[in-house]
Amino acid sequence: MKAYFNYPTQTSVSFIVERSQAFPAVSICNYSPMRFDNFIEPFLNFTKSRNLTYANDTSTISEEQSRYIRDFIQNLLRHGEPVDNYFFPMSSMLISCLYNGQRCQTNDFIPFYSSSFGRCYTFNAKMKLNQSSVRNTTDNGGLGKLELQL
């Protein structure tokens, strides 16, 4: 037990520092996909007009009614009606935003739709339409960070 094997070893460590790297895209979604205040009356009108439900209560949605939400949205889309007012705008979620110490705004986020979460938003998304490029970060930690208050 007192004897140890001794083998010669050689360790080589090298560091490559790349100062500018692409900052990752960050997506956020509201856990409640629909704005109940804008949604409930048109939705109840839709279900009543098709004799799907007969509820008059505008403070809740029953389990039976919830089965028709997807049909309601699909009907709006089929008829070319806007759906944006049924989802939360970024301005209602974003309290403050800082990227690399600079203030960022709602227009720094690109909207997209999720079947699970409704309207979501991505910071640092590359858009082909306006030829925007992704932001880079020059520091890990320090200035190279995104601070969001939602």
N, C-alpha and C. Protein backbone atom coordinates (compact mmCIF):
# COMPACT_ATOMS: atom_id res chain seq x y z
N MET A 1 0.80 -1.19 0.00
CA MET A 1 0.00 0.00 0.00
C MET A 1 0.85 1.26 0.00
N LYS A 2 2.07 1.15 0.50
CA LYS A 2 2.90 2.34 0.58
C LYS A 2 3.61 2.64 -0.73
N ALA A 3 3.55 1.73 -1.66
CA ALA A 3 4.22 1.95 -2.94
C ALA A 3 3.22 2.47 -3.96
N TYR A 4 3.61 3.49 -4.69
CA TYR A 4 2.77 4.06 -5.74
C TYR A 4 3.48 3.91 -7.06
N PHE A 5 2.70 3.78 -8.11
CA PHE A 5 3.28 3.74 -9.43
C PHE A 5 3.52 5.16 -9.90
N ASN A 6 4.62 5.37 -10.49
CA ASN A 6 4.97 6.70 -10.97
C ASN A 6 5.10 6.65 -12.48
N TYR A 7 4.20 7.36 -13.20
CA TYR A 7 4.24 7.41 -14.65
C TYR A 7 4.45 8.87 -15.06
N PRO A 8 5.35 9.11 -15.96
CA PRO A 8 5.54 10.50 -16.40
C PRO A 8 4.34 10.95 -17.25
N THR A 9 3.89 12.16 -17.02
CA THR A 9 2.77 12.73 -17.78
C THR A 9 3.14 14.11 -18.29
N GLN A 10 2.45 14.49 -19.33
CA GLN A 10 2.64 15.83 -19.88
C GLN A 10 1.26 16.39 -20.21
N THR A 11 0.94 17.56 -19.70
CA THR A 11 -0.35 18.20 -19.94
C THR A 11 -0.12 19.50 -20.69
N SER A 12 -0.89 19.67 -21.73
CA SER A 12 -0.78 20.89 -22.53
C SER A 12 -2.15 21.58 -22.54
N VAL A 13 -2.19 22.81 -22.11
CA VAL A 13 -3.42 23.59 -22.08
C VAL A 13 -3.22 24.84 -22.92
N SER A 14 -4.16 25.09 -23.80
CA SER A 14 -4.09 26.32 -24.58
C SER A 14 -5.45 27.01 -24.57
N PHE A 15 -5.43 28.32 -24.52
CA PHE A 15 -6.65 29.11 -24.51
C PHE A 15 -6.74 29.90 -25.81
N ILE A 16 -7.91 29.87 -26.39
CA ILE A 16 -8.17 30.70 -27.56
C ILE A 16 -9.28 31.66 -27.16
N VAL A 17 -8.99 32.91 -27.20
CA VAL A 17 -9.96 33.93 -26.81
C VAL A 17 -10.53 34.56 -28.07
N GLU A 18 -11.82 34.37 -28.27
CA GLU A 18 -12.52 35.01 -29.37
C GLU A 18 -13.39 36.09 -28.77
N ARG A 19 -13.00 37.30 -28.95
CA ARG A 19 -13.68 38.41 -28.29
C ARG A 19 -15.10 38.63 -28.78
N SER A 20 -15.35 38.51 -30.02
CA SER A 20 -16.68 38.79 -30.53
C SER A 20 -17.35 37.49 -30.97
N GLN A 21 -18.43 37.15 -30.30
CA GLN A 21 -19.20 35.96 -30.65
C GLN A 21 -20.66 36.35 -30.79
N ALA A 22 -21.39 35.56 -31.54
CA ALA A 22 -22.82 35.83 -31.73
C ALA A 22 -23.54 35.62 -30.40
N PHE A 23 -24.34 36.61 -30.03
CA PHE A 23 -25.17 36.48 -28.83
C PHE A 23 -26.33 35.56 -29.18
N PRO A 24 -26.71 34.65 -28.29
CA PRO A 24 -27.79 33.71 -28.63
C PRO A 24 -29.14 34.41 -28.76
N ALA A 25 -30.01 33.86 -29.57
CA ALA A 25 -31.38 34.35 -29.66
C ALA A 25 -32.11 33.92 -28.39
N VAL A 26 -32.92 34.80 -27.85
CA VAL A 26 -33.66 34.53 -26.62
C VAL A 26 -35.14 34.75 -26.91
N SER A 27 -35.95 33.70 -26.70
CA SER A 27 -37.39 33.80 -26.95
C SER A 27 -38.15 33.80 -25.64
N ILE A 28 -39.20 34.62 -25.59
CA ILE A 28 -40.06 34.65 -24.41
C ILE A 28 -41.52 34.56 -24.87
N CYS A 29 -42.32 33.92 -24.04
CA CYS A 29 -43.74 33.77 -24.30
C CYS A 29 -44.50 34.04 -23.00
N ASN A 30 -45.70 34.54 -23.11
CA ASN A 30 -46.55 34.70 -21.95
C ASN A 30 -47.18 33.35 -21.64
N TYR A 31 -47.17 32.95 -20.39
CA TYR A 31 -47.72 31.64 -20.03
C TYR A 31 -49.22 31.57 -20.33
N SER A 32 -49.90 32.70 -20.25
CA SER A 32 -51.31 32.76 -20.64
C SER A 32 -51.35 33.23 -22.09
N PRO A 33 -51.63 32.35 -23.03
CA PRO A 33 -51.51 32.72 -24.43
C PRO A 33 -52.54 33.74 -24.93
N MET A 34 -53.71 33.81 -24.31
CA MET A 34 -54.77 34.68 -24.82
C MET A 34 -55.08 35.80 -23.83
N ARG A 35 -55.43 36.96 -24.38
CA ARG A 35 -55.92 38.07 -23.56
C ARG A 35 -57.41 37.85 -23.33
N PHE A 36 -57.75 37.43 -22.14
CA PHE A 36 -59.13 37.08 -21.83
C PHE A 36 -60.06 38.26 -22.07
N ASP A 37 -59.63 39.47 -21.73
CA ASP A 37 -60.50 40.65 -21.86
C ASP A 37 -60.88 40.93 -23.30
N ASN A 38 -60.00 40.66 -24.24
CA ASN A 38 -60.31 40.89 -25.66
C ASN A 38 -60.92 39.66 -26.33
N PHE A 39 -60.75 38.53 -25.73
CA PHE A 39 -61.09 37.25 -26.35
C PHE A 39 -62.51 36.78 -26.03
N ILE A 40 -62.97 36.96 -24.80
CA ILE A 40 -64.15 36.25 -24.31
C ILE A 40 -65.43 36.58 -25.09
N GLU A 41 -65.72 37.84 -25.35
CA GLU A 41 -66.98 38.15 -26.04
C GLU A 41 -67.02 37.63 -27.47
N PRO A 42 -66.00 37.88 -28.30
CA PRO A 42 -66.04 37.31 -29.66
C PRO A 42 -66.08 35.78 -29.64
N PHE A 43 -65.39 35.18 -28.68
CA PHE A 43 -65.40 33.72 -28.59
C PHE A 43 -66.79 33.19 -28.24
N LEU A 44 -67.44 33.80 -27.26
CA LEU A 44 -68.80 33.36 -26.90
C LEU A 44 -69.77 33.58 -28.05
N ASN A 45 -69.62 34.68 -28.78
CA ASN A 45 -70.47 34.90 -29.96
C ASN A 45 -70.25 33.80 -30.99
N PHE A 46 -69.00 33.40 -31.18
CA PHE A 46 -68.67 32.33 -32.13
C PHE A 46 -69.34 31.02 -31.71
N THR A 47 -69.20 30.64 -30.44
CA THR A 47 -69.77 29.36 -29.99
C THR A 47 -71.29 29.38 -30.02
N LYS A 48 -71.88 30.52 -29.65
CA LYS A 48 -73.35 30.62 -29.68
C LYS A 48 -73.87 30.56 -31.11
N SER A 49 -73.19 31.23 -32.03
CA SER A 49 -73.66 31.27 -33.42
C SER A 49 -73.64 29.89 -34.07
N ARG A 50 -72.85 29.01 -33.55
CA ARG A 50 -72.76 27.64 -34.08
C ARG A 50 -73.45 26.62 -33.19
N ASN A 51 -74.20 27.12 -32.21
CA ASN A 51 -74.92 26.26 -31.26
C ASN A 51 -73.99 25.26 -30.58
N LEU A 52 -72.78 25.70 -30.28
CA LEU A 52 -71.82 24.81 -29.63
C LEU A 52 -71.96 24.86 -28.11
N THR A 53 -72.19 26.05 -27.57
CA THR A 53 -72.39 26.21 -26.13
C THR A 53 -73.46 27.28 -25.92
N TYR A 54 -73.98 27.31 -24.70
CA TYR A 54 -75.05 28.26 -24.40
C TYR A 54 -74.74 29.10 -23.17
N ALA A 55 -73.48 29.31 -22.87
CA ALA A 55 -73.09 30.05 -21.67
C ALA A 55 -73.16 31.56 -21.91
N ASN A 56 -73.57 32.28 -20.87
CA ASN A 56 -73.59 33.74 -20.92
C ASN A 56 -72.56 34.35 -19.98
N ASP A 57 -71.89 33.53 -19.21
CA ASP A 57 -70.91 34.00 -18.22
C ASP A 57 -69.64 34.44 -18.94
N THR A 58 -69.31 35.73 -18.81
CA THR A 58 -68.11 36.25 -19.47
C THR A 58 -66.90 36.30 -18.53
N SER A 59 -67.01 35.70 -17.35
CA SER A 59 -65.89 35.73 -16.41
C SER A 59 -65.07 34.44 -16.43
N THR A 60 -65.63 33.38 -17.00
CA THR A 60 -64.91 32.10 -17.05
C THR A 60 -65.20 31.39 -18.38
N ILE A 61 -64.37 30.41 -18.66
CA ILE A 61 -64.60 29.53 -19.81
C ILE A 61 -64.71 28.11 -19.27
N SER A 62 -65.78 27.44 -19.65
CA SER A 62 -65.97 26.07 -19.17
C SER A 62 -65.05 25.12 -19.94
N GLU A 63 -64.92 23.93 -19.40
CA GLU A 63 -64.11 22.91 -20.08
C GLU A 63 -64.70 22.60 -21.45
N GLU A 64 -66.03 22.56 -21.53
CA GLU A 64 -66.68 22.30 -22.82
C GLU A 64 -66.35 23.40 -23.83
N GLN A 65 -66.41 24.65 -23.38
CA GLN A 65 -66.10 25.77 -24.27
C GLN A 65 -64.65 25.76 -24.73
N SER A 66 -63.74 25.38 -23.83
CA SER A 66 -62.31 25.42 -24.16
C SER A 66 -61.97 24.52 -25.34
N ARG A 67 -62.80 23.53 -25.61
CA ARG A 67 -62.54 22.64 -26.75
C ARG A 67 -62.67 23.36 -28.10
N TYR A 68 -63.33 24.52 -28.10
CA TYR A 68 -63.60 25.24 -29.35
C TYR A 68 -62.68 26.45 -29.58
N ILE A 69 -61.72 26.67 -28.70
CA ILE A 69 -60.82 27.81 -28.86
C ILE A 69 -60.03 27.70 -30.16
N ARG A 70 -59.48 26.52 -30.42
CA ARG A 70 -58.71 26.32 -31.65
C ARG A 70 -59.59 26.55 -32.88
N ASP A 71 -60.83 26.07 -32.85
CA ASP A 71 -61.76 26.30 -33.97
C ASP A 71 -62.01 27.79 -34.18
N PHE A 72 -62.14 28.52 -33.08
CA PHE A 72 -62.37 29.96 -33.15
C PHE A 72 -61.20 30.66 -33.85
N ILE A 73 -59.99 30.36 -33.43
CA ILE A 73 -58.80 30.98 -34.02
C ILE A 73 -58.67 30.58 -35.49
N GLN A 74 -58.87 29.31 -35.79
CA GLN A 74 -58.79 28.86 -37.19
C GLN A 74 -59.83 29.55 -38.05
N ASN A 75 -61.02 29.76 -37.51
CA ASN A 75 -62.07 30.46 -38.24
C ASN A 75 -61.65 31.90 -38.54
N LEU A 76 -61.05 32.57 -37.57
CA LEU A 76 -60.57 33.93 -37.80
C LEU A 76 -59.53 33.96 -38.92
N LEU A 77 -58.59 33.03 -38.87
CA LEU A 77 -57.53 32.98 -39.87
C LEU A 77 -58.08 32.67 -41.26
N ARG A 78 -59.04 31.75 -41.34
CA ARG A 78 -59.65 31.40 -42.63
C ARG A 78 -60.33 32.61 -43.27
N HIS A 79 -60.90 33.46 -42.45
CA HIS A 79 -61.61 34.63 -42.96
C HIS A 79 -60.72 35.87 -43.04
N GLY A 80 -59.44 35.70 -42.83
CA GLY A 80 -58.50 36.81 -42.96
C GLY A 80 -58.64 37.88 -41.89
N GLU A 81 -59.23 37.52 -40.77
CA GLU A 81 -59.41 38.50 -39.70
C GLU A 81 -58.15 38.57 -38.84
N PRO A 82 -57.82 39.74 -38.32
CA PRO A 82 -56.61 39.87 -37.50
C PRO A 82 -56.78 39.15 -36.16
N VAL A 83 -55.72 38.55 -35.70
CA VAL A 83 -55.75 37.84 -34.42
C VAL A 83 -54.83 38.49 -33.38
N ASP A 84 -54.07 39.49 -33.79
CA ASP A 84 -53.10 40.10 -32.87
C ASP A 84 -53.73 40.62 -31.59
N ASN A 85 -54.92 41.20 -31.66
CA ASN A 85 -55.51 41.78 -30.46
C ASN A 85 -55.96 40.73 -29.44
N TYR A 86 -55.93 39.44 -29.80
CA TYR A 86 -56.27 38.38 -28.86
C TYR A 86 -55.04 37.91 -28.07
N PHE A 87 -53.87 38.34 -28.49
CA PHE A 87 -52.63 37.91 -27.83
C PHE A 87 -51.99 39.10 -27.13
N PHE A 88 -51.09 38.81 -26.21
CA PHE A 88 -50.41 39.86 -25.45
C PHE A 88 -49.35 40.54 -26.30
N PRO A 89 -49.39 41.86 -26.41
CA PRO A 89 -48.32 42.56 -27.12
C PRO A 89 -47.06 42.61 -26.25
N MET A 90 -45.92 42.72 -26.89
CA MET A 90 -44.67 42.80 -26.15
C MET A 90 -44.67 43.97 -25.18
N SER A 91 -45.30 45.07 -25.56
CA SER A 91 -45.33 46.26 -24.70
C SER A 91 -46.03 46.00 -23.37
N SER A 92 -46.92 45.01 -23.31
CA SER A 92 -47.61 44.71 -22.05
C SER A 92 -46.77 43.79 -21.16
N MET A 93 -45.72 43.20 -21.70
CA MET A 93 -44.89 42.28 -20.92
C MET A 93 -43.54 42.87 -20.54
N LEU A 94 -42.96 43.69 -21.39
CA LEU A 94 -41.60 44.18 -21.20
C LEU A 94 -41.59 45.44 -20.32
N ILE A 95 -41.02 45.31 -19.13
CA ILE A 95 -40.90 46.46 -18.24
C ILE A 95 -39.59 47.19 -18.52
N SER A 96 -38.50 46.43 -18.61
CA SER A 96 -37.22 47.05 -18.98
C SER A 96 -36.35 46.03 -19.69
N CYS A 97 -35.44 46.55 -20.52
CA CYS A 97 -34.55 45.70 -21.31
C CYS A 97 -33.21 46.42 -21.47
N LEU A 98 -32.13 45.72 -21.15
CA LEU A 98 -30.78 46.23 -21.37
C LEU A 98 -29.97 45.15 -22.06
N TYR A 99 -29.27 45.54 -23.12
CA TYR A 99 -28.35 44.63 -23.79
C TYR A 99 -27.00 45.34 -23.89
N ASN A 100 -25.98 44.70 -23.36
CA ASN A 100 -24.64 45.31 -23.32
C ASN A 100 -24.67 46.71 -22.70
N GLY A 101 -25.52 46.87 -21.69
CA GLY A 101 -25.61 48.15 -21.00
C GLY A 101 -26.43 49.20 -21.72
N GLN A 102 -26.94 48.89 -22.90
CA GLN A 102 -27.75 49.84 -23.67
C GLN A 102 -29.23 49.45 -23.58
N ARG A 103 -30.09 50.45 -23.51
CA ARG A 103 -31.53 50.20 -23.44
C ARG A 103 -32.01 49.57 -24.75
N CYS A 104 -32.82 48.53 -24.63
CA CYS A 104 -33.45 47.94 -25.81
C CYS A 104 -34.96 48.14 -25.70
N GLN A 105 -35.65 48.03 -26.81
CA GLN A 105 -37.07 48.36 -26.90
C GLN A 105 -37.86 47.16 -27.42
N THR A 106 -39.17 47.32 -27.46
CA THR A 106 -40.03 46.25 -27.97
C THR A 106 -39.74 45.94 -29.43
N ASN A 107 -39.30 46.94 -30.21
CA ASN A 107 -39.01 46.68 -31.62
C ASN A 107 -37.71 45.91 -31.83
N ASP A 108 -36.98 45.62 -30.76
CA ASP A 108 -35.80 44.75 -30.84
C ASP A 108 -36.19 43.27 -30.75
N PHE A 109 -37.48 43.00 -30.60
CA PHE A 109 -37.99 41.64 -30.50
C PHE A 109 -38.83 41.32 -31.73
N ILE A 110 -38.64 40.15 -32.29
CA ILE A 110 -39.38 39.70 -33.47
C ILE A 110 -40.50 38.78 -33.00
N PRO A 111 -41.76 39.06 -33.37
CA PRO A 111 -42.86 38.19 -32.94
C PRO A 111 -42.97 36.92 -33.78
N PHE A 112 -43.44 35.86 -33.13
CA PHE A 112 -43.79 34.63 -33.83
C PHE A 112 -44.92 33.96 -33.05
N TYR A 113 -45.61 33.03 -33.68
CA TYR A 113 -46.74 32.37 -33.02
C TYR A 113 -46.39 30.95 -32.65
N SER A 114 -46.78 30.57 -31.44
CA SER A 114 -46.60 29.22 -30.93
C SER A 114 -47.98 28.62 -30.71
N SER A 115 -48.17 27.37 -31.10
CA SER A 115 -49.48 26.74 -30.89
C SER A 115 -49.75 26.52 -29.41
N SER A 116 -48.71 26.47 -28.59
CA SER A 116 -48.88 26.26 -27.15
C SER A 116 -48.98 27.56 -26.37
N PHE A 117 -48.23 28.58 -26.79
CA PHE A 117 -48.11 29.79 -25.99
C PHE A 117 -48.62 31.05 -26.66
N GLY A 118 -49.24 30.94 -27.82
CA GLY A 118 -49.75 32.13 -28.49
C GLY A 118 -48.63 32.93 -29.13
N ARG A 119 -48.68 34.24 -28.95
CA ARG A 119 -47.68 35.11 -29.57
C ARG A 119 -46.45 35.18 -28.67
N CYS A 120 -45.30 34.86 -29.24
CA CYS A 120 -44.02 34.89 -28.54
C CYS A 120 -43.11 35.89 -29.23
N TYR A 121 -41.99 36.19 -28.59
CA TYR A 121 -41.07 37.21 -29.11
C TYR A 121 -39.63 36.73 -28.95
N THR A 122 -38.81 37.01 -29.95
CA THR A 122 -37.40 36.61 -29.91
C THR A 122 -36.50 37.83 -30.02
N PHE A 123 -35.57 37.90 -29.08
CA PHE A 123 -34.53 38.93 -29.11
C PHE A 123 -33.34 38.36 -29.86
N ASN A 124 -32.75 39.14 -30.71
CA ASN A 124 -31.57 38.76 -31.50
C ASN A 124 -31.88 37.70 -32.56
N ALA A 125 -33.05 37.80 -33.16
CA ALA A 125 -33.40 36.90 -34.26
C ALA A 125 -32.96 37.54 -35.56
N LYS A 126 -32.36 36.78 -36.42
CA LYS A 126 -31.95 37.30 -37.72
C LYS A 126 -33.15 37.23 -38.66
N MET A 127 -33.50 38.36 -39.22
CA MET A 127 -34.65 38.41 -40.12
C MET A 127 -34.18 38.54 -41.56
N LYS A 128 -34.68 37.67 -42.41
CA LYS A 128 -34.35 37.75 -43.83
C LYS A 128 -35.04 38.94 -44.49
N LEU A 129 -36.20 39.32 -43.97
CA LEU A 129 -36.98 40.39 -44.60
C LEU A 129 -36.27 41.74 -44.56
N ASN A 130 -35.73 42.08 -43.40
CA ASN A 130 -35.09 43.40 -43.31
C ASN A 130 -33.56 43.30 -43.25
N GLN A 131 -33.04 42.13 -43.55
CA GLN A 131 -31.59 41.92 -43.62
C GLN A 131 -30.87 42.30 -42.32
N SER A 132 -31.55 42.18 -41.19
CA SER A 132 -30.88 42.50 -39.93
C SER A 132 -29.88 41.40 -39.58
N SER A 133 -28.85 41.77 -38.89
CA SER A 133 -27.85 40.79 -38.49
C SER A 133 -27.96 40.57 -36.98
N VAL A 134 -27.42 39.46 -36.52
CA VAL A 134 -27.48 39.17 -35.10
C VAL A 134 -26.48 40.04 -34.35
N ARG A 135 -26.79 40.29 -33.11
CA ARG A 135 -25.89 41.07 -32.26
C ARG A 135 -24.77 40.17 -31.77
N ASN A 136 -23.64 40.77 -31.53
CA ASN A 136 -22.49 40.05 -31.00
C ASN A 136 -22.25 40.47 -29.57
N THR A 137 -21.57 39.61 -28.85
CA THR A 137 -21.17 39.94 -27.50
C THR A 137 -19.65 39.93 -27.44
N THR A 138 -19.10 40.83 -26.66
CA THR A 138 -17.64 40.93 -26.58
C THR A 138 -17.11 40.50 -25.22
N ASP A 139 -18.00 40.12 -24.33
CA ASP A 139 -17.56 39.77 -22.99
C ASP A 139 -18.51 38.74 -22.41
N ASN A 140 -17.99 37.75 -21.74
CA ASN A 140 -18.84 36.77 -21.06
C ASN A 140 -19.11 37.28 -19.66
N GLY A 141 -20.35 37.53 -19.37
CA GLY A 141 -20.70 38.08 -18.07
C GLY A 141 -20.85 39.57 -18.17
N GLY A 142 -19.87 40.32 -17.75
CA GLY A 142 -19.85 41.78 -17.74
C GLY A 142 -20.85 42.47 -18.63
N LEU A 143 -20.37 43.09 -19.69
CA LEU A 143 -21.27 43.83 -20.58
C LEU A 143 -22.00 42.92 -21.55
N GLY A 144 -21.49 41.75 -21.81
CA GLY A 144 -22.10 40.87 -22.82
C GLY A 144 -23.30 40.13 -22.30
N LYS A 145 -24.32 40.86 -21.87
CA LYS A 145 -25.49 40.18 -21.32
C LYS A 145 -26.77 40.92 -21.66
N LEU A 146 -27.84 40.17 -21.55
CA LEU A 146 -29.19 40.70 -21.77
C LEU A 146 -29.89 40.69 -20.42
N GLU A 147 -30.43 41.83 -20.04
CA GLU A 147 -31.18 41.94 -18.79
C GLU A 147 -32.62 42.28 -19.14
N LEU A 148 -33.55 41.42 -18.74
CA LEU A 148 -34.96 41.65 -19.00
C LEU A 148 -35.72 41.71 -17.69
N GLN A 149 -36.63 42.66 -17.60
CA GLN A 149 -37.58 42.69 -16.50
C GLN A 149 -38.95 42.59 -17.15
N LEU A 150 -39.65 41.51 -16.84
CA LEU A 150 -40.95 41.24 -17.47
C LEU A 150 -42.07 41.34 -16.44
